[in-house]
C-alpha cells in the first residue's frame, strides 16, 4: 500500500513471463468479467478469460514498453487493443475503443492472480453462447448469452443460476 493525498492506495503488481514489462494496479477492479467469446478463448488459449476491469488511470506501467495488436471486435465493430510484451509474447491487458476509460487485465499476469474479490455484485460471465460445453458457471453470478450490452448500449437480458450450472449436456 502507498499513501497518496492522505489516503491509502493499494498496489498490486504483475508482468510478463520474461520480466521486461511490469505494471501495477493502483486500485481494486471495478468489476471482474469472465469472457467466453472466441476472441478471448484464442487470446488466452483457455476456455475463457478472467478479466478484472480497472479505470485506465489505475493501471500504470512500471518498466518496459508493451507493444499493441489491434483487432476489430466481432460484437461491437470497434477496436480492441491487446497490449503485450514484444520479447516473450505475454498478453498483459486490453484497452477498448468502445470503453475508452477502462482496461481489462489478463488476471493470470498478476503476481498474485487471486488478490481481487469475485462477488456477484461486481462480476459477470459473458458470451455463454460461445462457451465450451464443459464449463461450469457458479451459482449467483450474472450471466449473458452475448455481451452485457448491445453495440449501441442497450442492456441485454441477464440470467442468474440458483445452483452451479454446466453449460452443455
C-alpha atoms as a PDB file:
ATOM      1  CA  UNK A   1       0.000   0.000   0.000  1.00  0.00           C
ATOM      2  CA  UNK A   2       1.100   3.533  -0.715  1.00  0.00           C
ATOM      3  CA  UNK A   3      -0.135   6.769   0.773  1.00  0.00           C
ATOM      4  CA  UNK A   4      -1.378   9.345  -1.718  1.00  0.00           C
ATOM      5  CA  UNK A   5      -3.197  12.500  -0.759  1.00  0.00           C
ATOM      6  CA  UNK A   6      -3.752  11.250   2.783  1.00  0.00           C
ATOM      7  CA  UNK A   7      -5.477   8.017   1.746  1.00  0.00           C
ATOM      8  CA  UNK A   8      -4.120   4.512   1.440  1.00  0.00           C
ATOM      9  CA  UNK A   9      -3.703   3.200  -2.084  1.00  0.00           C
ATOM     10  CA  UNK A  10      -3.338  -0.461  -2.892  1.00  0.00           C
ATOM     11  CA  UNK A  11      -0.697  -1.526  -5.360  1.00  0.00           C
ATOM     12  CA  UNK A  12      -0.809  -4.963  -6.889  1.00  0.00           C
ATOM     13  CA  UNK A  13       1.852  -5.721  -9.450  1.00  0.00           C
ATOM     14  CA  UNK A  14       2.149  -8.033 -12.390  1.00  0.00           C
ATOM     15  CA  UNK A  15       4.159  -8.559 -15.510  1.00  0.00           C
ATOM     16  CA  UNK A  16       5.193 -10.695 -18.427  1.00  0.00           C
ATOM     17  CA  UNK A  17       7.000 -14.042 -18.469  1.00  0.00           C
ATOM     18  CA  UNK A  18      10.442 -12.591 -19.210  1.00  0.00           C
ATOM     19  CA  UNK A  19      10.087  -9.778 -16.651  1.00  0.00           C
ATOM     20  CA  UNK A  20      10.790  -6.904 -19.042  1.00  0.00           C
ATOM     21  CA  UNK A  21       7.336  -5.396 -18.608  1.00  0.00           C
ATOM     22  CA  UNK A  22       5.990  -4.722 -15.129  1.00  0.00           C
ATOM     23  CA  UNK A  23       2.766  -2.955 -14.246  1.00  0.00           C
ATOM     24  CA  UNK A  24       0.791  -2.041 -11.135  1.00  0.00           C
ATOM     25  CA  UNK A  25      -2.905  -1.744 -10.406  1.00  0.00           C
ATOM     26  CA  UNK A  26      -3.380   1.171  -8.021  1.00  0.00           C
ATOM     27  CA  UNK A  27      -6.963   0.310  -7.046  1.00  0.00           C
ATOM     28  CA  UNK A  28      -9.262  -2.666  -6.827  1.00  0.00           C
ATOM     29  CA  UNK A  29     -11.027  -3.552 -10.069  1.00  0.00           C
ATOM     30  CA  UNK A  30     -14.459  -2.051 -10.547  1.00  0.00           C
ATOM     31  CA  UNK A  31     -15.710  -5.416 -11.749  1.00  0.00           C
ATOM     32  CA  UNK A  32     -14.494  -8.795 -12.974  1.00  0.00           C
ATOM     33  CA  UNK A  33     -15.629 -10.187 -16.308  1.00  0.00           C
ATOM     34  CA  UNK A  34     -15.396 -13.843 -17.276  1.00  0.00           C
ATOM     35  CA  UNK A  35     -15.482 -13.751 -21.067  1.00  0.00           C
ATOM     36  CA  UNK A  36     -16.239 -16.922 -23.023  1.00  0.00           C
ATOM     37  CA  UNK A  37     -16.125 -15.393 -26.544  1.00  0.00           C
ATOM     38  CA  UNK A  38     -13.944 -16.971 -29.239  1.00  0.00           C
ATOM     39  CA  UNK A  39     -11.644 -13.917 -29.238  1.00  0.00           C
ATOM     40  CA  UNK A  40     -10.838 -14.434 -25.544  1.00  0.00           C
ATOM     41  CA  UNK A  41     -10.558 -18.206 -25.949  1.00  0.00           C
ATOM     42  CA  UNK A  42      -7.969 -17.721 -28.690  1.00  0.00           C
ATOM     43  CA  UNK A  43      -6.191 -14.858 -26.914  1.00  0.00           C
ATOM     44  CA  UNK A  44      -5.792 -16.852 -23.685  1.00  0.00           C
ATOM     45  CA  UNK A  45      -5.534 -20.371 -25.065  1.00  0.00           C
ATOM     46  CA  UNK A  46      -8.100 -21.444 -22.483  1.00  0.00           C
ATOM     47  CA  UNK A  47     -11.851 -21.867 -22.028  1.00  0.00           C
ATOM     48  CA  UNK A  48     -12.396 -18.235 -21.005  1.00  0.00           C
ATOM     49  CA  UNK A  49     -10.659 -15.092 -19.863  1.00  0.00           C
ATOM     50  CA  UNK A  50     -10.730 -13.857 -16.269  1.00  0.00           C
ATOM     51  CA  UNK A  51     -10.579 -10.094 -16.736  1.00  0.00           C
ATOM     52  CA  UNK A  52     -10.522  -7.660 -13.821  1.00  0.00           C
ATOM     53  CA  UNK A  53     -11.591  -4.251 -15.164  1.00  0.00           C
ATOM     54  CA  UNK A  54      -9.801  -1.110 -13.942  1.00  0.00           C
ATOM     55  CA  UNK A  55     -10.085   2.589 -14.611  1.00  0.00           C
ATOM     56  CA  UNK A  56      -7.440   3.458 -17.200  1.00  0.00           C
ATOM     57  CA  UNK A  57      -5.703   5.744 -14.692  1.00  0.00           C
ATOM     58  CA  UNK A  58      -5.435   2.885 -12.165  1.00  0.00           C
ATOM     59  CA  UNK A  59      -3.081   0.764 -14.294  1.00  0.00           C
ATOM     60  CA  UNK A  60       0.472   2.064 -14.618  1.00  0.00           C
ATOM     61  CA  UNK A  61       3.482   0.646 -16.447  1.00  0.00           C
ATOM     62  CA  UNK A  62       6.447   0.361 -14.087  1.00  0.00           C
ATOM     63  CA  UNK A  63       9.021  -0.858 -16.608  1.00  0.00           C
ATOM     64  CA  UNK A  64       9.249  -1.788 -20.260  1.00  0.00           C
ATOM     65  CA  UNK A  65       7.173  -0.698 -23.219  1.00  0.00           C
ATOM     66  CA  UNK A  66       4.369  -3.016 -24.308  1.00  0.00           C
ATOM     67  CA  UNK A  67       3.544  -3.465 -27.958  1.00  0.00           C
ATOM     68  CA  UNK A  68      -0.041  -3.327 -29.186  1.00  0.00           C
ATOM     69  CA  UNK A  69      -2.019  -5.519 -31.554  1.00  0.00           C
ATOM     70  CA  UNK A  70      -5.364  -4.110 -32.734  1.00  0.00           C
ATOM     71  CA  UNK A  71      -8.359  -6.239 -33.639  1.00  0.00           C
ATOM     72  CA  UNK A  72     -11.906  -5.304 -34.584  1.00  0.00           C
ATOM     73  CA  UNK A  73     -14.417  -6.831 -32.167  1.00  0.00           C
ATOM     74  CA  UNK A  74     -16.933  -9.040 -33.937  1.00  0.00           C
ATOM     75  CA  UNK A  75     -19.581  -7.964 -31.421  1.00  0.00           C
ATOM     76  CA  UNK A  76     -19.231  -4.171 -31.475  1.00  0.00           C
ATOM     77  CA  UNK A  77     -17.269  -3.454 -34.645  1.00  0.00           C
ATOM     78  CA  UNK A  78     -14.898  -1.343 -32.503  1.00  0.00           C
ATOM     79  CA  UNK A  79     -11.170  -1.827 -31.969  1.00  0.00           C
ATOM     80  CA  UNK A  80      -9.799  -3.894 -29.104  1.00  0.00           C
ATOM     81  CA  UNK A  81      -6.136  -3.140 -28.338  1.00  0.00           C
ATOM     82  CA  UNK A  82      -4.099  -6.073 -26.981  1.00  0.00           C
ATOM     83  CA  UNK A  83      -1.057  -4.862 -25.009  1.00  0.00           C
ATOM     84  CA  UNK A  84       1.714  -7.469 -24.880  1.00  0.00           C
ATOM     85  CA  UNK A  85       5.435  -7.988 -24.386  1.00  0.00           C
ATOM     86  CA  UNK A  86       7.265  -7.882 -27.707  1.00  0.00           C
ATOM     87  CA  UNK A  87      10.039 -10.081 -26.306  1.00  0.00           C
ATOM     88  CA  UNK A  88       8.199 -13.026 -24.728  1.00  0.00           C
ATOM     89  CA  UNK A  89       4.713 -12.512 -26.218  1.00  0.00           C
ATOM     90  CA  UNK A  90       2.786 -12.407 -22.936  1.00  0.00           C
ATOM     91  CA  UNK A  91      -0.573 -10.668 -23.325  1.00  0.00           C
ATOM     92  CA  UNK A  92      -0.960  -8.279 -20.376  1.00  0.00           C
ATOM     93  CA  UNK A  93      -4.093  -6.156 -20.781  1.00  0.00           C
ATOM     94  CA  UNK A  94      -6.721  -4.914 -23.207  1.00  0.00           C
ATOM     95  CA  UNK A  95      -7.941  -1.404 -23.906  1.00  0.00           C
ATOM     96  CA  UNK A  96     -11.076  -0.680 -25.869  1.00  0.00           C
ATOM     97  CA  UNK A  97     -12.304   1.834 -28.408  1.00  0.00           C
ATOM     98  CA  UNK A  98     -15.832   1.085 -27.155  1.00  0.00           C
ATOM     99  CA  UNK A  99     -14.926   1.664 -23.475  1.00  0.00           C
ATOM    100  CA  UNK A 100     -12.081   4.223 -23.574  1.00  0.00           C
ATOM    101  CA  UNK A 101     -11.912   4.843 -19.811  1.00  0.00           C
ATOM    102  CA  UNK A 102     -11.140   1.263 -18.729  1.00  0.00           C
ATOM    103  CA  UNK A 103      -8.627  -1.531 -19.239  1.00  0.00           C
ATOM    104  CA  UNK A 104      -9.085  -5.267 -18.760  1.00  0.00           C
ATOM    105  CA  UNK A 105      -6.091  -7.117 -17.357  1.00  0.00           C
ATOM    106  CA  UNK A 106      -5.296 -10.760 -18.113  1.00  0.00           C
ATOM    107  CA  UNK A 107      -5.718 -11.912 -14.485  1.00  0.00           C
ATOM    108  CA  UNK A 108      -3.005 -14.564 -14.691  1.00  0.00           C
ATOM    109  CA  UNK A 109      -0.349 -11.907 -15.278  1.00  0.00           C
ATOM    110  CA  UNK A 110      -0.683 -10.527 -11.733  1.00  0.00           C
ATOM    111  CA  UNK A 111       1.993 -11.722  -9.305  1.00  0.00           C
ATOM    112  CA  UNK A 112      -0.927 -12.840  -7.118  1.00  0.00           C
ATOM    113  CA  UNK A 113      -3.816 -13.588  -9.500  1.00  0.00           C
ATOM    114  CA  UNK A 114      -6.199 -14.077  -6.555  1.00  0.00           C
ATOM    115  CA  UNK A 115      -5.769 -10.679  -4.858  1.00  0.00           C
ATOM    116  CA  UNK A 116      -9.058  -9.208  -6.105  1.00  0.00           C
ATOM    117  CA  UNK A 117     -12.513 -10.344  -4.970  1.00  0.00           C
ATOM    118  CA  UNK A 118     -15.020 -12.125  -7.170  1.00  0.00           C
ATOM    119  CA  UNK A 119     -18.505 -11.247  -5.928  1.00  0.00           C
ATOM    120  CA  UNK A 120     -21.920 -11.455  -7.629  1.00  0.00           C
ATOM    121  CA  UNK A 121     -22.481  -7.702  -7.369  1.00  0.00           C
ATOM    122  CA  UNK A 122     -19.313  -6.910  -9.335  1.00  0.00           C
ATOM    123  CA  UNK A 123     -18.775  -9.948 -11.585  1.00  0.00           C
ATOM    124  CA  UNK A 124     -20.379 -11.422 -14.689  1.00  0.00           C
ATOM    125  CA  UNK A 125     -19.968 -14.177 -17.262  1.00  0.00           C
ATOM    126  CA  UNK A 126     -20.466 -13.056 -20.868  1.00  0.00           C
ATOM    127  CA  UNK A 127     -20.770 -14.807 -24.246  1.00  0.00           C
ATOM    128  CA  UNK A 128     -22.108 -18.057 -22.777  1.00  0.00           C
ATOM    129  CA  UNK A 129     -23.370 -18.957 -26.259  1.00  0.00           C
ATOM    130  CA  UNK A 130     -19.703 -19.472 -27.255  1.00  0.00           C
ATOM    131  CA  UNK A 131     -18.655 -21.209 -24.024  1.00  0.00           C
ATOM    132  CA  UNK A 132     -17.216 -24.714 -24.015  1.00  0.00           C
ATOM    133  CA  UNK A 133     -19.885 -27.257 -23.141  1.00  0.00           C
ATOM    134  CA  UNK A 134     -17.908 -28.495 -20.116  1.00  0.00           C
ATOM    135  CA  UNK A 135     -17.653 -25.088 -18.414  1.00  0.00           C
ATOM    136  CA  UNK A 136     -19.438 -24.839 -15.060  1.00  0.00           C
ATOM    137  CA  UNK A 137     -20.926 -21.462 -14.103  1.00  0.00           C
ATOM    138  CA  UNK A 138     -21.090 -20.783 -10.345  1.00  0.00           C
ATOM    139  CA  UNK A 139     -24.460 -20.103  -8.760  1.00  0.00           C
ATOM    140  CA  UNK A 140     -25.363 -16.489  -8.096  1.00  0.00           C
ATOM    141  CA  UNK A 141     -23.263 -14.767 -10.773  1.00  0.00           C
ATOM    142  CA  UNK A 142     -24.927 -12.735 -13.541  1.00  0.00           C
ATOM    143  CA  UNK A 143     -24.588 -14.346 -16.977  1.00  0.00           C
ATOM    144  CA  UNK A 144     -25.287 -13.165 -20.505  1.00  0.00           C
ATOM    145  CA  UNK A 145     -25.686 -15.109 -23.753  1.00  0.00           C
ATOM    146  CA  UNK A 146     -23.603 -12.463 -25.532  1.00  0.00           C
ATOM    147  CA  UNK A 147     -22.195  -9.167 -24.232  1.00  0.00           C
ATOM    148  CA  UNK A 148     -23.965  -7.461 -21.322  1.00  0.00           C
ATOM    149  CA  UNK A 149     -24.922  -4.605 -23.673  1.00  0.00           C
ATOM    150  CA  UNK A 150     -25.514  -4.405 -27.410  1.00  0.00           C
ATOM    151  CA  UNK A 151     -23.138  -2.454 -29.662  1.00  0.00           C
ATOM    152  CA  UNK A 152     -25.412   0.588 -29.264  1.00  0.00           C
ATOM    153  CA  UNK A 153     -25.522   0.335 -25.454  1.00  0.00           C
ATOM    154  CA  UNK A 154     -28.826  -1.452 -24.817  1.00  0.00           C
ATOM    155  CA  UNK A 155     -28.714  -3.734 -21.763  1.00  0.00           C
ATOM    156  CA  UNK A 156     -29.110  -7.431 -22.539  1.00  0.00           C
ATOM    157  CA  UNK A 157     -31.173  -9.920 -20.551  1.00  0.00           C
ATOM    158  CA  UNK A 158     -29.343 -11.278 -17.513  1.00  0.00           C
ATOM    159  CA  UNK A 159     -29.649 -14.813 -16.162  1.00  0.00           C
ATOM    160  CA  UNK A 160     -28.557 -15.835 -12.665  1.00  0.00           C
ATOM    161  CA  UNK A 161     -28.444 -19.554 -11.894  1.00  0.00           C
ATOM    162  CA  UNK A 162     -29.634 -20.766  -8.462  1.00  0.00           C
ATOM    163  CA  UNK A 163     -27.112 -23.599  -8.490  1.00  0.00           C
ATOM    164  CA  UNK A 164     -23.868 -24.363 -10.297  1.00  0.00           C
ATOM    165  CA  UNK A 165     -24.694 -24.994 -13.946  1.00  0.00           C
ATOM    166  CA  UNK A 166     -22.767 -26.884 -16.613  1.00  0.00           C
ATOM    167  CA  UNK A 167     -23.154 -25.120 -19.973  1.00  0.00           C
ATOM    168  CA  UNK A 168     -23.570 -28.232 -22.105  1.00  0.00           C
ATOM    169  CA  UNK A 169     -25.268 -31.592 -21.802  1.00  0.00           C
END
